[in-house]
Amino acid sequence: MKIIIVPWVLVTFWFLPFAAQAHHVLGLPHYSYLKEYPQVPRLDLETQVGRYFAVCTVMPGNPKPGETFRVHIYVKNTVTGMPYERKMEFVIREKAFFGQGLEVFRFTQNQTDDHQFKQSAKVQAAGEYLVGVAFTGDDGIPHTIEFPLQIGQPSWFDRLLPVLLGGVGVLLLLMGQRWLGRRRTRRKPE
């Protein structure tokens, strides 16, 4: 019995260090690090605009009114693979049902920091806003990226509005069906 246990223990301790292999390359795990271990709440957007691929990040993702937030944008030409290094314009405006909302922030940036355009902003009032980023491509075609940003908590009316509109829609549908049903029963000959 002693003869069997000693080699088994030696083999186990010999191969034990090899069993704990790394599941990442160069310190980056194979899973999404930002989803598994979020450090700062953030809003991320990846989009394709013309022949440009853009990654936009807002930190923190849901800023409080009066809190400074940062917008980082990385734009790369998908044809040449080169990062965009020209002028970029940031615009923040209130979200409106019709037309364009009131502009609360505008800034033009000519330089990048490590191929990223970084801009800090502060909005005093809570509400829904649109962050717009405009740039002109190498071919002279203007491009715009817009994405929503919620400052503070949404109001109760904003949360209740879709429910109210849905309820009114269902009510109108039922009333219309009842009205059509009555018309059909009146027209039937007896």
C-alpha atoms as a PDB file:
ATOM      1  CA  MET A   1       0.000   0.000   0.000  1.00  0.00           C
ATOM      2  CA  LYS A   2       2.841   2.335   0.911  1.00  0.00           C
ATOM      3  CA  ILE A   3       4.504   1.557  -2.416  1.00  0.00           C
ATOM      4  CA  ILE A   4       1.420   2.718  -4.409  1.00  0.00           C
ATOM      5  CA  ILE A   5       0.766   5.927  -2.457  1.00  0.00           C
ATOM      6  CA  VAL A   6       4.287   7.360  -2.650  1.00  0.00           C
ATOM      7  CA  PRO A   7       4.525   7.427  -6.499  1.00  0.00           C
ATOM      8  CA  TRP A   8       0.947   8.755  -6.743  1.00  0.00           C
ATOM      9  CA  VAL A   9       1.766  11.615  -4.363  1.00  0.00           C
ATOM     10  CA  LEU A  10       4.982  12.395  -6.239  1.00  0.00           C
ATOM     11  CA  VAL A  11       3.208  12.431  -9.626  1.00  0.00           C
ATOM     12  CA  THR A  12       0.394  14.597  -8.244  1.00  0.00           C
ATOM     13  CA  PHE A  13       2.757  17.202  -6.839  1.00  0.00           C
ATOM     14  CA  TRP A  14       4.873  17.074  -9.996  1.00  0.00           C
ATOM     15  CA  PHE A  15       1.929  17.909 -12.333  1.00  0.00           C
ATOM     16  CA  LEU A  16      -0.014  20.152  -9.953  1.00  0.00           C
ATOM     17  CA  PRO A  17       1.711  23.406 -11.018  1.00  0.00           C
ATOM     18  CA  PHE A  18       0.877  22.661 -14.676  1.00  0.00           C
ATOM     19  CA  ALA A  19      -2.848  22.320 -13.960  1.00  0.00           C
ATOM     20  CA  ALA A  20      -3.225  26.023 -13.114  1.00  0.00           C
ATOM     21  CA  GLN A  21      -2.729  27.438 -16.602  1.00  0.00           C
ATOM     22  CA  ALA A  22      -3.478  31.033 -17.468  1.00  0.00           C
ATOM     23  CA  HIS A  23      -6.629  31.719 -19.456  1.00  0.00           C
ATOM     24  CA  HIS A  24      -5.464  35.012 -20.889  1.00  0.00           C
ATOM     25  CA  VAL A  25      -2.801  36.435 -23.150  1.00  0.00           C
ATOM     26  CA  LEU A  26      -0.698  39.431 -22.142  1.00  0.00           C
ATOM     27  CA  GLY A  27      -2.863  40.151 -19.119  1.00  0.00           C
ATOM     28  CA  LEU A  28      -6.133  40.347 -21.068  1.00  0.00           C
ATOM     29  CA  PRO A  29      -8.723  37.726 -20.136  1.00  0.00           C
ATOM     30  CA  HIS A  30     -10.623  35.838 -22.844  1.00  0.00           C
ATOM     31  CA  TYR A  31     -13.949  37.129 -21.525  1.00  0.00           C
ATOM     32  CA  SER A  32     -15.065  40.753 -21.571  1.00  0.00           C
ATOM     33  CA  TYR A  33     -13.270  42.365 -18.683  1.00  0.00           C
ATOM     34  CA  LEU A  34     -15.560  45.397 -18.650  1.00  0.00           C
ATOM     35  CA  LYS A  35     -18.682  43.234 -18.348  1.00  0.00           C
ATOM     36  CA  GLU A  36     -17.286  40.924 -15.695  1.00  0.00           C
ATOM     37  CA  TYR A  37     -15.480  43.506 -13.563  1.00  0.00           C
ATOM     38  CA  PRO A  38     -16.824  46.997 -14.175  1.00  0.00           C
ATOM     39  CA  GLN A  39     -14.791  49.697 -12.472  1.00  0.00           C
ATOM     40  CA  VAL A  40     -16.616  52.876 -13.469  1.00  0.00           C
ATOM     41  CA  PRO A  41     -20.147  52.863 -14.860  1.00  0.00           C
ATOM     42  CA  ARG A  42     -19.744  53.715 -18.517  1.00  0.00           C
ATOM     43  CA  LEU A  43     -21.665  54.003 -21.731  1.00  0.00           C
ATOM     44  CA  ASP A  44     -19.984  52.322 -24.714  1.00  0.00           C
ATOM     45  CA  LEU A  45     -20.970  52.609 -28.356  1.00  0.00           C
ATOM     46  CA  GLU A  46     -19.357  51.026 -31.395  1.00  0.00           C
ATOM     47  CA  THR A  47     -20.594  52.091 -34.809  1.00  0.00           C
ATOM     48  CA  GLN A  48     -19.643  52.195 -38.468  1.00  0.00           C
ATOM     49  CA  VAL A  49     -20.039  55.551 -40.253  1.00  0.00           C
ATOM     50  CA  GLY A  50     -19.158  55.451 -43.923  1.00  0.00           C
ATOM     51  CA  ARG A  51     -15.690  53.981 -44.122  1.00  0.00           C
ATOM     52  CA  TYR A  52     -14.902  54.851 -40.510  1.00  0.00           C
ATOM     53  CA  PHE A  53     -15.273  52.686 -37.426  1.00  0.00           C
ATOM     54  CA  ALA A  54     -15.854  54.621 -34.210  1.00  0.00           C
ATOM     55  CA  VAL A  55     -15.731  53.614 -30.537  1.00  0.00           C
ATOM     56  CA  CYS A  56     -17.348  56.137 -28.191  1.00  0.00           C
ATOM     57  CA  THR A  57     -17.167  55.944 -24.404  1.00  0.00           C
ATOM     58  CA  VAL A  58     -18.829  58.176 -21.797  1.00  0.00           C
ATOM     59  CA  MET A  59     -17.601  57.954 -18.186  1.00  0.00           C
ATOM     60  CA  PRO A  60     -19.539  57.826 -15.935  1.00  0.00           C
ATOM     61  CA  GLY A  61     -22.312  56.348 -18.048  1.00  0.00           C
ATOM     62  CA  ASN A  62     -25.155  58.012 -16.125  1.00  0.00           C
ATOM     63  CA  PRO A  63     -23.749  61.268 -14.712  1.00  0.00           C
ATOM     64  CA  LYS A  64     -25.574  63.311 -12.105  1.00  0.00           C
ATOM     65  CA  PRO A  65     -26.604  66.905 -12.876  1.00  0.00           C
ATOM     66  CA  GLY A  66     -23.609  69.204 -12.433  1.00  0.00           C
ATOM     67  CA  GLU A  67     -21.138  66.295 -12.483  1.00  0.00           C
ATOM     68  CA  THR A  68     -18.281  66.406 -14.981  1.00  0.00           C
ATOM     69  CA  PHE A  69     -18.290  63.514 -17.438  1.00  0.00           C
ATOM     70  CA  ARG A  70     -15.769  62.552 -20.112  1.00  0.00           C
ATOM     71  CA  VAL A  71     -16.406  61.595 -23.718  1.00  0.00           C
ATOM     72  CA  HIS A  72     -13.665  59.550 -25.420  1.00  0.00           C
ATOM     73  CA  ILE A  73     -13.828  58.820 -29.140  1.00  0.00           C
ATOM     74  CA  TYR A  74     -11.547  56.690 -31.255  1.00  0.00           C
ATOM     75  CA  VAL A  75     -12.156  56.765 -35.021  1.00  0.00           C
ATOM     76  CA  LYS A  76     -10.325  54.545 -37.498  1.00  0.00           C
ATOM     77  CA  ASN A  77     -10.482  54.442 -41.292  1.00  0.00           C
ATOM     78  CA  THR A  78     -11.475  50.874 -42.194  1.00  0.00           C
ATOM     79  CA  VAL A  79      -9.874  51.096 -45.646  1.00  0.00           C
ATOM     80  CA  THR A  80      -6.423  52.345 -44.641  1.00  0.00           C
ATOM     81  CA  GLY A  81      -6.468  51.173 -41.012  1.00  0.00           C
ATOM     82  CA  MET A  82      -5.156  54.573 -39.890  1.00  0.00           C
ATOM     83  CA  PRO A  83      -6.679  56.414 -36.922  1.00  0.00           C
ATOM     84  CA  TYR A  84      -8.486  59.699 -37.597  1.00  0.00           C
ATOM     85  CA  GLU A  85      -6.277  62.657 -36.594  1.00  0.00           C
ATOM     86  CA  ARG A  86      -8.142  65.741 -37.885  1.00  0.00           C
ATOM     87  CA  LYS A  87     -10.573  68.227 -36.332  1.00  0.00           C
ATOM     88  CA  MET A  88     -13.598  66.849 -34.456  1.00  0.00           C
ATOM     89  CA  GLU A  89     -16.590  68.776 -33.092  1.00  0.00           C
ATOM     90  CA  PHE A  90     -18.530  67.780 -29.957  1.00  0.00           C
ATOM     91  CA  VAL A  91     -22.134  68.948 -29.494  1.00  0.00           C
ATOM     92  CA  ILE A  92     -24.493  68.147 -26.614  1.00  0.00           C
ATOM     93  CA  ARG A  93     -28.141  69.122 -27.014  1.00  0.00           C
ATOM     94  CA  GLU A  94     -31.380  68.374 -25.239  1.00  0.00           C
ATOM     95  CA  LYS A  95     -33.382  65.546 -26.740  1.00  0.00           C
ATOM     96  CA  ALA A  96     -36.553  66.811 -28.427  1.00  0.00           C
ATOM     97  CA  PHE A  97     -39.554  64.979 -29.882  1.00  0.00           C
ATOM     98  CA  PHE A  98     -39.569  67.195 -32.991  1.00  0.00           C
ATOM     99  CA  GLY A  99     -36.656  69.126 -34.485  1.00  0.00           C
ATOM    100  CA  GLN A 100     -33.401  69.795 -32.700  1.00  0.00           C
ATOM    101  CA  GLY A 101     -33.228  70.431 -28.995  1.00  0.00           C
ATOM    102  CA  LEU A 102     -31.503  73.298 -27.247  1.00  0.00           C
ATOM    103  CA  GLU A 103     -27.713  73.159 -27.541  1.00  0.00           C
ATOM    104  CA  VAL A 104     -25.999  73.116 -24.132  1.00  0.00           C
ATOM    105  CA  PHE A 105     -22.362  72.417 -25.097  1.00  0.00           C
ATOM    106  CA  ARG A 106     -20.175  72.800 -28.194  1.00  0.00           C
ATOM    107  CA  PHE A 107     -16.434  72.320 -28.521  1.00  0.00           C
ATOM    108  CA  THR A 108     -14.027  71.750 -31.402  1.00  0.00           C
ATOM    109  CA  GLN A 109     -10.921  69.679 -30.782  1.00  0.00           C
ATOM    110  CA  ASN A 110      -7.961  69.621 -33.155  1.00  0.00           C
ATOM    111  CA  GLN A 111      -5.557  67.314 -31.328  1.00  0.00           C
ATOM    112  CA  THR A 112      -5.754  63.722 -30.182  1.00  0.00           C
ATOM    113  CA  ASP A 113      -4.346  62.097 -27.084  1.00  0.00           C
ATOM    114  CA  ASP A 114      -2.957  58.706 -28.093  1.00  0.00           C
ATOM    115  CA  HIS A 115      -5.265  58.643 -31.177  1.00  0.00           C
ATOM    116  CA  GLN A 116      -8.329  59.394 -29.020  1.00  0.00           C
ATOM    117  CA  PHE A 117     -10.396  62.547 -28.883  1.00  0.00           C
ATOM    118  CA  LYS A 118     -11.148  63.267 -25.230  1.00  0.00           C
ATOM    119  CA  GLN A 119     -13.510  65.945 -24.004  1.00  0.00           C
ATOM    120  CA  SER A 120     -14.918  66.769 -20.572  1.00  0.00           C
ATOM    121  CA  ALA A 121     -18.322  68.388 -20.191  1.00  0.00           C
ATOM    122  CA  LYS A 122     -20.801  69.301 -17.489  1.00  0.00           C
ATOM    123  CA  VAL A 123     -24.583  69.624 -17.799  1.00  0.00           C
ATOM    124  CA  GLN A 124     -26.482  71.268 -14.948  1.00  0.00           C
ATOM    125  CA  ALA A 125     -30.052  70.061 -15.604  1.00  0.00           C
ATOM    126  CA  ALA A 126     -31.270  66.479 -15.426  1.00  0.00           C
ATOM    127  CA  GLY A 127     -32.843  65.033 -18.557  1.00  0.00           C
ATOM    128  CA  GLU A 128     -32.237  63.207 -21.815  1.00  0.00           C
ATOM    129  CA  TYR A 129     -29.530  64.583 -24.097  1.00  0.00           C
ATOM    130  CA  LEU A 130     -27.960  63.691 -27.424  1.00  0.00           C
ATOM    131  CA  VAL A 131     -24.180  63.679 -27.720  1.00  0.00           C
ATOM    132  CA  GLY A 132     -23.144  64.447 -31.276  1.00  0.00           C
ATOM    133  CA  VAL A 133     -19.695  64.103 -32.759  1.00  0.00           C
ATOM    134  CA  ALA A 134     -19.054  65.565 -36.212  1.00  0.00           C
ATOM    135  CA  PHE A 135     -15.970  65.125 -38.369  1.00  0.00           C
ATOM    136  CA  THR A 136     -15.010  65.351 -42.015  1.00  0.00           C
ATOM    137  CA  GLY A 137     -13.460  62.285 -43.611  1.00  0.00           C
ATOM    138  CA  ASP A 138     -10.334  62.144 -45.748  1.00  0.00           C
ATOM    139  CA  ASP A 139     -12.578  62.257 -48.826  1.00  0.00           C
ATOM    140  CA  GLY A 140     -14.279  65.505 -47.701  1.00  0.00           C
ATOM    141  CA  ILE A 141     -17.586  63.835 -46.715  1.00  0.00           C
ATOM    142  CA  PRO A 142     -18.943  65.037 -43.333  1.00  0.00           C
ATOM    143  CA  HIS A 143     -19.928  62.333 -40.812  1.00  0.00           C
ATOM    144  CA  THR A 144     -21.972  62.610 -37.627  1.00  0.00           C
ATOM    145  CA  ILE A 145     -22.356  60.160 -34.759  1.00  0.00           C
ATOM    146  CA  GLU A 146     -25.159  60.758 -32.257  1.00  0.00           C
ATOM    147  CA  PHE A 147     -26.004  58.737 -29.177  1.00  0.00           C
ATOM    148  CA  PRO A 148     -28.298  59.325 -26.184  1.00  0.00           C
ATOM    149  CA  LEU A 149     -27.069  60.244 -22.724  1.00  0.00           C
ATOM    150  CA  GLN A 150     -29.216  60.320 -19.590  1.00  0.00           C
ATOM    151  CA  ILE A 151     -28.180  62.959 -17.040  1.00  0.00           C
ATOM    152  CA  GLY A 152     -29.594  62.110 -13.611  1.00  0.00           C
ATOM    153  CA  GLN A 153     -32.575  59.832 -13.087  1.00  0.00           C
ATOM    154  CA  PRO A 154     -35.407  59.870 -15.616  1.00  0.00           C
ATOM    155  CA  SER A 155     -38.580  61.545 -14.386  1.00  0.00           C
ATOM    156  CA  TRP A 156     -41.675  59.527 -13.534  1.00  0.00           C
ATOM    157  CA  PHE A 157     -43.388  60.997 -16.599  1.00  0.00           C
ATOM    158  CA  ASP A 158     -40.665  59.653 -18.901  1.00  0.00           C
ATOM    159  CA  ARG A 159     -41.131  56.190 -17.429  1.00  0.00           C
ATOM    160  CA  LEU A 160     -44.921  56.368 -17.534  1.00  0.00           C
ATOM    161  CA  LEU A 161     -45.296  57.874 -21.024  1.00  0.00           C
ATOM    162  CA  PRO A 162     -44.779  54.609 -23.001  1.00  0.00           C
ATOM    163  CA  VAL A 163     -47.287  52.803 -20.773  1.00  0.00           C
ATOM    164  CA  LEU A 164     -49.840  55.577 -21.218  1.00  0.00           C
ATOM    165  CA  LEU A 165     -49.377  55.695 -24.987  1.00  0.00           C
ATOM    166  CA  GLY A 166     -49.674  51.912 -25.203  1.00  0.00           C
ATOM    167  CA  GLY A 167     -52.854  51.947 -23.113  1.00  0.00           C
ATOM    168  CA  VAL A 168     -54.411  54.672 -25.257  1.00  0.00           C
ATOM    169  CA  GLY A 169     -53.475  52.720 -28.402  1.00  0.00           C
ATOM    170  CA  VAL A 170     -55.099  49.525 -27.122  1.00  0.00           C
ATOM    171  CA  LEU A 171     -58.196  51.475 -26.036  1.00  0.00           C
ATOM    172  CA  LEU A 172     -58.531  53.091 -29.477  1.00  0.00           C
ATOM    173  CA  LEU A 173     -58.091  49.705 -31.145  1.00  0.00           C
ATOM    174  CA  LEU A 174     -60.844  48.146 -29.027  1.00  0.00           C
ATOM    175  CA  MET A 175     -63.170  51.102 -29.608  1.00  0.00           C
ATOM    176  CA  GLY A 176     -62.559  50.890 -33.362  1.00  0.00           C
ATOM    177  CA  GLN A 177     -63.310  47.175 -33.428  1.00  0.00           C
ATOM    178  CA  ARG A 178     -66.510  47.688 -31.449  1.00  0.00           C
ATOM    179  CA  TRP A 179     -67.598  50.478 -33.816  1.00  0.00           C
ATOM    180  CA  LEU A 180     -66.921  48.301 -36.871  1.00  0.00           C
ATOM    181  CA  GLY A 181     -68.796  45.401 -35.266  1.00  0.00           C
ATOM    182  CA  ARG A 182     -71.846  47.574 -34.674  1.00  0.00           C
ATOM    183  CA  ARG A 183     -71.812  48.789 -38.290  1.00  0.00           C
ATOM    184  CA  ARG A 184     -71.694  45.238 -39.595  1.00  0.00           C
ATOM    185  CA  THR A 185     -74.587  44.073 -37.410  1.00  0.00           C
ATOM    186  CA  ARG A 186     -76.754  47.018 -38.557  1.00  0.00           C
ATOM    187  CA  ARG A 187     -76.192  46.230 -42.247  1.00  0.00           C
ATOM    188  CA  LYS A 188     -77.144  42.552 -42.051  1.00  0.00           C
ATOM    189  CA  PRO A 189     -80.617  41.950 -43.553  1.00  0.00           C
ATOM    190  CA  GLU A 190     -83.084  40.214 -41.302  1.00  0.00           C
END
